[in-house]
Amino acid sequence: MKAVIIDDERLARVELRRLLAAHPEVEIAGEAGHGEEAIARISELAPDLIFLDIEMPGMTGFELLERLDDVPQVIFTTGYDQYAIRAFEVNALDYLMKPIVPARLAAALERVRPSGAPKPRLEQVFVRDGERCWIVRLADVFLMESEGNYTRLCFGKERPLIRRSLNALEEQLDSTVFFRANRRQIVNLNWVEQTEAGVSGALVMRLRGGAHVEISRRAAARLRESLSL
């Protein structure tokens, strides 16, 4: 499991390296002392996991996550406990208070998903909606809808916007899972309960939870071909 440590305090990075020496399954691929450096390291190294300090000069940990196209698994490390509730709303793997206790580090690492299988093209994204924010696994997103240069993600009961166009997002998605149903919508095929005949050769998808998506005639032909319908 490849990891990157992101913290503006050098001694904190050194201490975390020392603690992680007891966990040979974690390969520390690199470090970063501020947000811009962290973005470059993550892009270069494509880590499975990042240990992320929240309060850093120039860019907070939350702002850093918002800049990433594909968000790795995240364990927050910080000395500011007021961030705890917000961190868990974000769906981070865990939240470690400094000074980090070895037993808490071990417990946090048990939450990390194995990295043996090949990653999909885009696994999860960071989403901010006002004061609320999440790390959203795309497997949990059943529908994406275009709204100009933004895309609305539909997961659970949430419908936040992200600052990416549907076309730009589509280029990063696994095409075997996410299907462009029409000009405005992309559907997660794993959420489809039923496909029904529509008007003039079109199809209608019924998704788990009750949403209906009309598939354009051209897209319907592609779907029939790919699914041998």
Protein backbone atom coordinates (compact mmCIF):
# COMPACT_ATOMS: atom_id res chain seq x y z
CA MET A 1 0.00 0.00 0.00
CA LYS A 2 1.60 3.23 -1.20
CA ALA A 3 1.21 6.28 1.06
CA VAL A 4 2.12 9.98 1.08
CA ILE A 5 2.52 12.03 4.28
CA ILE A 6 1.27 15.63 4.04
CA ASP A 7 2.09 17.92 6.97
CA ASP A 8 3.70 21.35 7.22
CA GLU A 9 5.61 20.31 10.39
CA ARG A 10 8.81 18.40 9.55
CA LEU A 11 9.00 16.80 13.00
CA ALA A 12 5.44 15.53 12.64
CA ARG A 13 6.36 13.88 9.33
CA VAL A 14 9.45 12.31 10.92
CA GLU A 15 7.39 10.97 13.84
CA LEU A 16 4.75 9.49 11.56
CA ARG A 17 7.45 7.80 9.50
CA ARG A 18 8.81 6.30 12.71
CA LEU A 19 5.40 4.98 13.73
CA LEU A 20 4.71 3.56 10.27
CA ALA A 21 7.95 1.56 10.40
CA ALA A 22 5.96 -0.92 12.50
CA HIS A 23 3.60 -1.42 9.52
CA PRO A 24 5.64 -2.88 6.64
CA GLU A 25 2.50 -3.14 4.50
CA VAL A 26 2.66 0.67 4.16
CA GLU A 27 5.24 2.00 1.69
CA ILE A 28 5.92 5.70 2.28
CA ALA A 29 6.32 6.86 -1.30
CA GLY A 30 6.77 10.54 -0.50
CA GLU A 31 6.10 13.58 1.67
CA ALA A 32 4.83 17.11 1.22
CA GLY A 33 5.06 20.15 3.47
CA HIS A 34 2.28 22.25 1.91
CA GLY A 35 -0.73 21.97 -0.37
CA GLU A 36 0.80 22.76 -3.76
CA GLU A 37 3.63 20.32 -3.15
CA ALA A 38 1.11 17.71 -2.01
CA ILE A 39 -0.93 18.06 -5.21
CA ALA A 40 2.22 17.49 -7.27
CA ARG A 41 3.23 14.45 -5.19
CA ILE A 42 -0.21 12.88 -5.43
CA SER A 43 -0.31 13.42 -9.19
CA GLU A 44 3.19 11.97 -9.60
CA LEU A 45 2.94 9.01 -7.21
CA ALA A 46 -0.79 8.05 -7.35
CA PRO A 47 -0.82 6.84 -3.72
CA ASP A 48 -3.45 4.49 -2.31
CA LEU A 49 -3.49 6.46 0.96
CA ILE A 50 -2.60 9.92 2.22
CA PHE A 51 -2.00 11.03 5.80
CA LEU A 52 -3.31 14.59 5.67
CA ASP A 53 -2.83 17.44 8.12
CA ILE A 54 -5.79 19.82 8.08
CA GLU A 55 -4.43 23.18 9.24
CA MET A 56 -1.57 24.11 6.87
CA PRO A 57 -0.42 27.55 5.65
CA GLY A 58 -1.76 28.58 2.27
CA MET A 59 -4.20 25.71 1.81
CA THR A 60 -6.13 23.61 4.33
CA GLY A 61 -6.45 19.86 3.96
CA PHE A 62 -10.07 20.29 2.88
CA GLU A 63 -9.09 22.81 0.20
CA LEU A 64 -6.40 20.42 -1.01
CA LEU A 65 -8.93 17.61 -1.42
CA GLU A 66 -11.15 19.92 -3.45
CA ARG A 67 -8.28 20.43 -5.92
CA LEU A 68 -7.78 16.71 -6.58
CA ASP A 69 -9.39 14.99 -9.55
CA ASP A 70 -9.19 11.54 -7.96
CA VAL A 71 -9.06 11.44 -4.16
CA PRO A 72 -7.03 8.65 -2.51
CA GLN A 73 -8.07 7.10 0.79
CA VAL A 74 -7.56 9.68 3.55
CA ILE A 75 -6.49 9.52 7.19
CA PHE A 76 -6.50 12.98 8.78
CA THR A 77 -3.74 13.88 11.25
CA THR A 78 -4.10 17.10 13.25
CA GLY A 79 -3.80 18.75 16.61
CA TYR A 80 -7.13 20.59 16.31
CA ASP A 81 -9.99 18.50 17.65
CA GLN A 82 -12.66 20.96 16.45
CA TYR A 83 -12.17 19.45 13.02
CA ALA A 84 -13.15 15.95 14.14
CA ILE A 85 -16.86 16.09 13.33
CA ARG A 86 -16.25 17.76 9.98
CA ALA A 87 -13.61 15.18 9.06
CA PHE A 88 -16.02 12.31 9.63
CA GLU A 89 -18.73 14.06 7.59
CA VAL A 90 -16.18 14.02 4.79
CA ASN A 91 -16.03 10.20 5.07
CA ALA A 92 -12.33 10.00 5.78
CA LEU A 93 -11.06 6.59 6.87
CA ASP A 94 -10.11 7.97 10.28
CA TYR A 95 -9.00 10.99 12.27
CA LEU A 96 -5.80 10.88 14.33
CA MET A 97 -5.05 13.46 17.00
CA LYS A 98 -1.43 14.53 17.53
CA PRO A 99 0.60 13.24 19.21
CA ILE A 100 -0.44 10.04 17.40
CA VAL A 101 -0.84 6.97 19.58
CA PRO A 102 0.51 3.75 17.97
CA ALA A 103 -2.65 1.78 18.81
CA ARG A 104 -4.87 4.42 17.13
CA LEU A 105 -2.66 4.38 14.04
CA ALA A 106 -2.95 0.59 13.86
CA ALA A 107 -6.75 0.82 14.17
CA ALA A 108 -6.91 3.46 11.42
CA LEU A 109 -4.83 1.32 9.06
CA GLU A 110 -7.24 -1.58 9.53
CA ARG A 111 -9.87 0.56 7.78
CA VAL A 112 -7.79 0.96 4.62
CA ARG A 113 -9.18 -0.91 1.64
CA PRO A 114 -6.69 -3.35 0.07
CA SER A 115 -4.88 -2.01 -2.99
CA GLY A 116 -4.22 -5.33 -4.72
CA ALA A 117 -6.93 -4.99 -7.37
CA PRO A 118 -6.45 -2.55 -10.28
CA LYS A 119 -8.04 0.83 -9.59
CA PRO A 120 -10.89 2.07 -11.75
CA ARG A 121 -10.10 5.20 -13.72
CA LEU A 122 -11.78 7.39 -11.12
CA GLU A 123 -12.66 5.95 -7.71
CA GLN A 124 -13.81 8.80 -5.51
CA VAL A 125 -14.15 12.57 -5.51
CA PHE A 126 -14.26 15.34 -2.92
CA VAL A 127 -17.51 17.32 -2.89
CA ARG A 128 -18.24 20.59 -1.08
CA ASP A 129 -21.77 21.96 -0.73
CA GLY A 130 -21.77 25.07 1.43
CA GLU A 131 -20.37 24.07 4.83
CA ARG A 132 -20.89 20.38 4.15
CA CYS A 133 -18.37 18.18 2.36
CA TRP A 134 -17.88 14.52 1.51
CA ILE A 135 -15.45 12.11 -0.03
CA VAL A 136 -17.83 10.29 -2.37
CA ARG A 137 -17.08 6.85 -3.77
CA LEU A 138 -18.35 6.79 -7.34
CA ALA A 139 -19.74 3.30 -6.75
CA ASP A 140 -22.32 5.03 -4.53
CA VAL A 141 -23.31 7.57 -7.22
CA PHE A 142 -26.29 6.31 -9.19
CA LEU A 143 -26.74 9.29 -11.51
CA MET A 144 -24.76 12.31 -12.77
CA GLU A 145 -26.57 15.24 -14.35
CA SER A 146 -25.15 18.13 -16.35
CA GLU A 147 -25.85 21.69 -15.19
CA GLY A 148 -23.80 23.91 -17.48
CA ASN A 149 -20.14 23.67 -16.48
CA TYR A 150 -21.11 21.80 -13.30
CA THR A 151 -22.28 18.25 -12.62
CA ARG A 152 -24.84 17.21 -10.03
CA LEU A 153 -23.94 13.97 -8.25
CA CYS A 154 -26.85 11.87 -6.97
CA PHE A 155 -25.97 9.56 -4.07
CA GLY A 156 -28.15 8.58 -1.14
CA LYS A 157 -30.43 11.55 -0.54
CA GLU A 158 -27.75 14.07 -1.51
CA ARG A 159 -27.61 16.10 -4.74
CA PRO A 160 -24.54 18.40 -4.55
CA LEU A 161 -22.84 20.08 -7.51
CA ILE A 162 -19.17 19.63 -8.38
CA ARG A 163 -17.09 22.07 -10.43
CA ARG A 164 -16.59 19.80 -13.41
CA SER A 165 -18.56 19.48 -16.60
CA LEU A 166 -20.24 16.18 -17.39
CA ASN A 167 -18.08 15.81 -20.52
CA ALA A 168 -14.85 16.30 -18.56
CA LEU A 169 -16.01 13.87 -15.89
CA GLU A 170 -17.02 11.25 -18.46
CA GLU A 171 -13.45 11.07 -19.77
CA GLN A 172 -12.27 9.82 -16.37
CA LEU A 173 -15.02 7.27 -15.73
CA ASP A 174 -14.99 3.51 -16.21
CA SER A 175 -17.13 3.15 -19.35
CA THR A 176 -18.10 -0.42 -18.42
CA VAL A 177 -19.90 0.95 -15.35
CA PHE A 178 -20.99 4.49 -16.24
CA PHE A 179 -23.18 4.87 -19.32
CA ARG A 180 -23.96 8.15 -21.11
CA ALA A 181 -27.73 7.82 -21.37
CA ASN A 182 -28.36 11.16 -23.06
CA ARG A 183 -26.86 14.62 -23.44
CA ARG A 184 -27.49 15.53 -19.80
CA GLN A 185 -27.17 12.29 -17.81
CA ILE A 186 -24.71 9.49 -17.03
CA VAL A 187 -26.06 6.40 -15.26
CA ASN A 188 -24.25 3.93 -13.00
CA LEU A 189 -25.28 0.62 -14.58
CA ASN A 190 -24.85 -1.19 -11.27
CA TRP A 191 -27.87 0.77 -10.00
CA VAL A 192 -30.20 -0.18 -12.87
CA GLU A 193 -33.13 -2.37 -11.82
CA GLN A 194 -34.97 -2.58 -15.10
CA THR A 195 -34.82 -1.39 -18.70
CA GLU A 196 -38.10 -0.83 -20.52
CA ALA A 197 -39.03 0.02 -24.10
CA GLY A 198 -39.79 3.69 -24.63
CA VAL A 199 -41.11 5.68 -27.59
CA SER A 200 -39.59 5.44 -31.11
CA GLY A 201 -36.80 3.04 -30.25
CA ALA A 202 -35.75 4.77 -27.04
CA LEU A 203 -35.35 2.98 -23.70
CA VAL A 204 -36.15 3.94 -20.13
CA MET A 205 -33.97 2.83 -17.21
CA ARG A 206 -35.48 2.41 -13.76
CA LEU A 207 -32.89 2.77 -11.01
CA ARG A 208 -32.85 1.48 -7.47
CA GLY A 209 -34.60 4.12 -5.37
CA GLY A 210 -37.15 4.94 -8.05
CA ALA A 211 -35.37 7.32 -10.44
CA HIS A 212 -36.18 6.97 -14.15
CA VAL A 213 -33.77 7.92 -16.94
CA GLU A 214 -34.70 8.13 -20.61
CA ILE A 215 -32.05 6.81 -22.96
CA SER A 216 -31.75 8.52 -26.32
CA ARG A 217 -32.32 6.38 -29.41
CA ARG A 218 -28.63 6.48 -30.37
CA ALA A 219 -27.54 5.61 -26.83
CA ALA A 220 -30.17 2.86 -26.71
CA ALA A 221 -28.59 1.24 -29.77
CA ARG A 222 -25.19 1.33 -28.07
CA LEU A 223 -26.64 -0.15 -24.90
CA ARG A 224 -28.41 -2.96 -26.77
CA GLU A 225 -25.17 -3.77 -28.58
CA SER A 226 -23.05 -3.79 -25.42
CA LEU A 227 -25.58 -5.87 -23.46
CA SER A 228 -26.57 -8.04 -26.42
CA LEU A 229 -30.23 -7.04 -26.03
